[in-house]
Amino acid sequence: MADYDIPEDCRYTKEDEWVREDGDHRVVGVTDYAQQQLGDVVFLEIPPTGTAINAGEPFGVIESVKAVSDLYAPLTGEVVAANAALEESPELVNESCYEDGWILKINPGDPGELDTLLSPSAYRAFVAEREE
C-alpha cells in the first residue's frame, strides 16, 4: 500500500473526506488518499457561509487535471466558513490537505454524528482494501 497521511485526530468518510473537531465547529477537507488519486487540484466549487448541508449529499465539486468529482458532506449542519484561499490557490489541497487546504467549517446539527464516521484505523483498512 502507498504511504498516505491519515491523522489520528480526524474521522473519515468512505467518500474520502476528513472531519476534525474545532471547538463547536467541525473542519472538513479531502484526505491525502483523495488528493493523491485526483492529482493536481485546479478548481473547487464550495458553498458559501450559511448554506445547509446534509450528510451523504454532494455539497461541492473538486476539479483536478485528471477528474471532476463531487464533494460529499460528512455531517449535517450549516457552513460557517469556507476556505477563501482555495479560490486563488486550489493547489493547497495537494500541498496541505489537513491544514491550509481545509475546505469548510460547519456547525454540526448533531455533534454525536461525528461518531458515525470511520476511525483512523478503519479508514486505513478501507484504503488498503481499495489498493489491493
C-alpha atoms as a PDB file:
ATOM      1  CA  MET A   1       0.000   0.000   0.000  1.00  0.00           C
ATOM      2  CA  ALA A   2       1.185   3.505  -0.792  1.00  0.00           C
ATOM      3  CA  ASP A   3       2.029   5.730   2.157  1.00  0.00           C
ATOM      4  CA  TYR A   4      -0.901   8.015   2.996  1.00  0.00           C
ATOM      5  CA  ASP A   5      -1.104  10.520   5.818  1.00  0.00           C
ATOM      6  CA  ILE A   6      -4.119   9.593   7.990  1.00  0.00           C
ATOM      7  CA  PRO A   7      -4.046  11.786  11.121  1.00  0.00           C
ATOM      8  CA  GLU A   8      -5.315  10.310  14.376  1.00  0.00           C
ATOM      9  CA  ASP A   9      -7.261  13.482  15.288  1.00  0.00           C
ATOM     10  CA  CYS A  10      -9.710  13.157  12.368  1.00  0.00           C
ATOM     11  CA  ARG A  11     -12.665  10.997  11.430  1.00  0.00           C
ATOM     12  CA  TYR A  12     -13.204   9.853   7.840  1.00  0.00           C
ATOM     13  CA  THR A  13     -15.855   9.005   5.242  1.00  0.00           C
ATOM     14  CA  LYS A  14     -15.851   6.339   2.540  1.00  0.00           C
ATOM     15  CA  GLU A  15     -16.025   9.254   0.071  1.00  0.00           C
ATOM     16  CA  ASP A  16     -12.546  10.306   1.293  1.00  0.00           C
ATOM     17  CA  GLU A  17     -13.415  13.389   3.302  1.00  0.00           C
ATOM     18  CA  TRP A  18     -11.981  14.048   6.752  1.00  0.00           C
ATOM     19  CA  VAL A  19     -13.535  15.852   9.711  1.00  0.00           C
ATOM     20  CA  ARG A  20     -11.734  17.389  12.681  1.00  0.00           C
ATOM     21  CA  GLU A  21     -13.300  18.916  15.779  1.00  0.00           C
ATOM     22  CA  ASP A  22     -12.563  22.626  16.230  1.00  0.00           C
ATOM     23  CA  GLY A  23     -14.399  23.797  19.343  1.00  0.00           C
ATOM     24  CA  ASP A  24     -18.106  23.840  18.490  1.00  0.00           C
ATOM     25  CA  HIS A  25     -17.367  23.560  14.763  1.00  0.00           C
ATOM     26  CA  ARG A  26     -16.145  20.769  12.501  1.00  0.00           C
ATOM     27  CA  VAL A  27     -13.481  21.344   9.854  1.00  0.00           C
ATOM     28  CA  VAL A  28     -13.889  19.352   6.624  1.00  0.00           C
ATOM     29  CA  GLY A  29     -11.447  18.550   3.820  1.00  0.00           C
ATOM     30  CA  VAL A  30     -10.378  15.791   1.453  1.00  0.00           C
ATOM     31  CA  THR A  31      -7.933  13.128   2.583  1.00  0.00           C
ATOM     32  CA  ASP A  32      -4.359  12.623   1.492  1.00  0.00           C
ATOM     33  CA  TYR A  33      -5.504   9.488  -0.337  1.00  0.00           C
ATOM     34  CA  ALA A  34      -8.115  11.511  -2.270  1.00  0.00           C
ATOM     35  CA  GLN A  35      -5.759  14.317  -3.244  1.00  0.00           C
ATOM     36  CA  GLN A  36      -3.121  11.823  -4.436  1.00  0.00           C
ATOM     37  CA  GLN A  37      -5.719   9.973  -6.527  1.00  0.00           C
ATOM     38  CA  LEU A  38      -7.020  13.234  -8.013  1.00  0.00           C
ATOM     39  CA  GLY A  39      -3.632  14.662  -8.923  1.00  0.00           C
ATOM     40  CA  ASP A  40      -3.143  18.426  -9.219  1.00  0.00           C
ATOM     41  CA  VAL A  41      -6.266  20.201  -7.953  1.00  0.00           C
ATOM     42  CA  VAL A  42      -7.103  23.176 -10.187  1.00  0.00           C
ATOM     43  CA  PHE A  43     -10.563  24.319  -9.001  1.00  0.00           C
ATOM     44  CA  LEU A  44     -13.076  23.880  -6.182  1.00  0.00           C
ATOM     45  CA  GLU A  45     -16.717  24.867  -6.099  1.00  0.00           C
ATOM     46  CA  ILE A  46     -17.731  25.209  -2.463  1.00  0.00           C
ATOM     47  CA  PRO A  47     -20.877  26.593  -0.840  1.00  0.00           C
ATOM     48  CA  PRO A  48     -20.952  29.984   0.856  1.00  0.00           C
ATOM     49  CA  THR A  49     -21.365  30.626   4.561  1.00  0.00           C
ATOM     50  CA  GLY A  50     -24.917  29.980   5.727  1.00  0.00           C
ATOM     51  CA  THR A  51     -25.549  27.036   3.393  1.00  0.00           C
ATOM     52  CA  ALA A  52     -27.223  23.998   4.943  1.00  0.00           C
ATOM     53  CA  ILE A  53     -25.581  20.681   4.044  1.00  0.00           C
ATOM     54  CA  ASN A  54     -26.810  17.138   4.633  1.00  0.00           C
ATOM     55  CA  ALA A  55     -24.660  14.131   5.464  1.00  0.00           C
ATOM     56  CA  GLY A  56     -24.006  11.926   2.453  1.00  0.00           C
ATOM     57  CA  GLU A  57     -25.171  14.513  -0.095  1.00  0.00           C
ATOM     58  CA  PRO A  58     -22.957  16.467  -2.514  1.00  0.00           C
ATOM     59  CA  PHE A  59     -22.028  19.954  -1.292  1.00  0.00           C
ATOM     60  CA  GLY A  60     -19.481  20.977  -3.905  1.00  0.00           C
ATOM     61  CA  VAL A  61     -17.093  19.962  -6.644  1.00  0.00           C
ATOM     62  CA  ILE A  62     -13.348  19.392  -6.800  1.00  0.00           C
ATOM     63  CA  GLU A  63     -11.627  19.501 -10.169  1.00  0.00           C
ATOM     64  CA  SER A  64      -8.153  18.220 -10.944  1.00  0.00           C
ATOM     65  CA  VAL A  65      -6.117  17.667 -14.074  1.00  0.00           C
ATOM     66  CA  LYS A  66      -7.423  14.063 -14.032  1.00  0.00           C
ATOM     67  CA  ALA A  67     -11.074  14.304 -12.976  1.00  0.00           C
ATOM     68  CA  VAL A  68     -14.046  16.274 -11.717  1.00  0.00           C
ATOM     69  CA  SER A  69     -15.556  14.816  -8.544  1.00  0.00           C
ATOM     70  CA  ASP A  70     -18.364  15.682  -6.177  1.00  0.00           C
ATOM     71  CA  LEU A  71     -17.557  16.531  -2.577  1.00  0.00           C
ATOM     72  CA  TYR A  72     -19.899  14.807  -0.117  1.00  0.00           C
ATOM     73  CA  ALA A  73     -20.949  16.233   3.235  1.00  0.00           C
ATOM     74  CA  PRO A  74     -19.646  14.047   6.058  1.00  0.00           C
ATOM     75  CA  LEU A  75     -22.097  15.606   8.521  1.00  0.00           C
ATOM     76  CA  THR A  76     -25.367  17.528   8.525  1.00  0.00           C
ATOM     77  CA  GLY A  77     -25.056  21.171   9.506  1.00  0.00           C
ATOM     78  CA  GLU A  78     -24.570  24.742   8.407  1.00  0.00           C
ATOM     79  CA  VAL A  79     -21.481  26.119   6.680  1.00  0.00           C
ATOM     80  CA  VAL A  80     -19.909  28.730   8.981  1.00  0.00           C
ATOM     81  CA  ALA A  81     -16.732  29.267   6.930  1.00  0.00           C
ATOM     82  CA  ALA A  82     -15.394  28.371   3.504  1.00  0.00           C
ATOM     83  CA  ASN A  83     -11.664  28.428   2.825  1.00  0.00           C
ATOM     84  CA  ALA A  84     -11.389  31.512   0.604  1.00  0.00           C
ATOM     85  CA  ALA A  85      -7.677  30.818  -0.007  1.00  0.00           C
ATOM     86  CA  LEU A  86      -8.703  27.896  -2.241  1.00  0.00           C
ATOM     87  CA  GLU A  87     -10.209  30.278  -4.806  1.00  0.00           C
ATOM     88  CA  GLU A  88      -6.762  31.660  -5.640  1.00  0.00           C
ATOM     89  CA  SER A  89      -4.710  28.626  -4.625  1.00  0.00           C
ATOM     90  CA  PRO A  90      -6.599  25.345  -5.094  1.00  0.00           C
ATOM     91  CA  GLU A  91      -3.238  23.548  -5.008  1.00  0.00           C
ATOM     92  CA  LEU A  92      -3.305  23.972  -1.209  1.00  0.00           C
ATOM     93  CA  VAL A  93      -5.425  20.802  -1.200  1.00  0.00           C
ATOM     94  CA  ASN A  94      -2.421  18.925  -2.637  1.00  0.00           C
ATOM     95  CA  GLU A  95       0.198  20.713  -0.560  1.00  0.00           C
ATOM     96  CA  SER A  96      -1.506  20.638   2.848  1.00  0.00           C
ATOM     97  CA  CYS A  97      -4.842  18.802   2.731  1.00  0.00           C
ATOM     98  CA  TYR A  98      -5.209  18.602   6.529  1.00  0.00           C
ATOM     99  CA  GLU A  99      -4.095  22.139   7.356  1.00  0.00           C
ATOM    100  CA  ASP A 100      -4.067  25.001   4.802  1.00  0.00           C
ATOM    101  CA  GLY A 101      -6.156  23.004   2.300  1.00  0.00           C
ATOM    102  CA  TRP A 102      -9.241  22.570   4.506  1.00  0.00           C
ATOM    103  CA  ILE A 103     -12.484  23.231   2.622  1.00  0.00           C
ATOM    104  CA  LEU A 104     -15.310  24.058   5.059  1.00  0.00           C
ATOM    105  CA  LYS A 105     -16.095  24.663   8.689  1.00  0.00           C
ATOM    106  CA  ILE A 106     -19.559  23.600   9.716  1.00  0.00           C
ATOM    107  CA  ASN A 107     -21.772  23.996  12.741  1.00  0.00           C
ATOM    108  CA  PRO A 108     -22.991  20.408  13.186  1.00  0.00           C
ATOM    109  CA  GLY A 109     -26.685  19.739  13.572  1.00  0.00           C
ATOM    110  CA  ASP A 110     -25.930  16.725  15.779  1.00  0.00           C
ATOM    111  CA  PRO A 111     -22.491  16.741  17.482  1.00  0.00           C
ATOM    112  CA  GLY A 112     -22.811  12.955  18.023  1.00  0.00           C
ATOM    113  CA  GLU A 113     -22.932  12.384  14.270  1.00  0.00           C
ATOM    114  CA  LEU A 114     -19.114  12.562  14.235  1.00  0.00           C
ATOM    115  CA  ASP A 115     -19.058   9.178  15.994  1.00  0.00           C
ATOM    116  CA  THR A 116     -20.721   7.547  12.963  1.00  0.00           C
ATOM    117  CA  LEU A 117     -17.681   8.251  10.772  1.00  0.00           C
ATOM    118  CA  LEU A 118     -14.683   5.965  10.273  1.00  0.00           C
ATOM    119  CA  SER A 119     -11.894   5.970  12.831  1.00  0.00           C
ATOM    120  CA  PRO A 120      -8.334   6.454  11.519  1.00  0.00           C
ATOM    121  CA  SER A 121      -7.661   2.696  11.741  1.00  0.00           C
ATOM    122  CA  ALA A 122     -10.939   1.845   9.956  1.00  0.00           C
ATOM    123  CA  TYR A 123     -10.192   4.368   7.199  1.00  0.00           C
ATOM    124  CA  ARG A 124      -6.644   2.982   6.855  1.00  0.00           C
ATOM    125  CA  ALA A 125      -8.135  -0.509   6.354  1.00  0.00           C
ATOM    126  CA  PHE A 126     -10.686   0.868   3.855  1.00  0.00           C
ATOM    127  CA  VAL A 127      -7.913   2.496   1.783  1.00  0.00           C
ATOM    128  CA  ALA A 128      -5.791  -0.678   1.948  1.00  0.00           C
ATOM    129  CA  GLU A 129      -8.748  -2.697   0.631  1.00  0.00           C
ATOM    130  CA  ARG A 130      -9.034  -0.429  -2.420  1.00  0.00           C
ATOM    131  CA  GLU A 131      -5.305  -0.584  -3.057  1.00  0.00           C
ATOM    132  CA  GLU A 132      -5.355  -4.380  -3.429  1.00  0.00           C
END
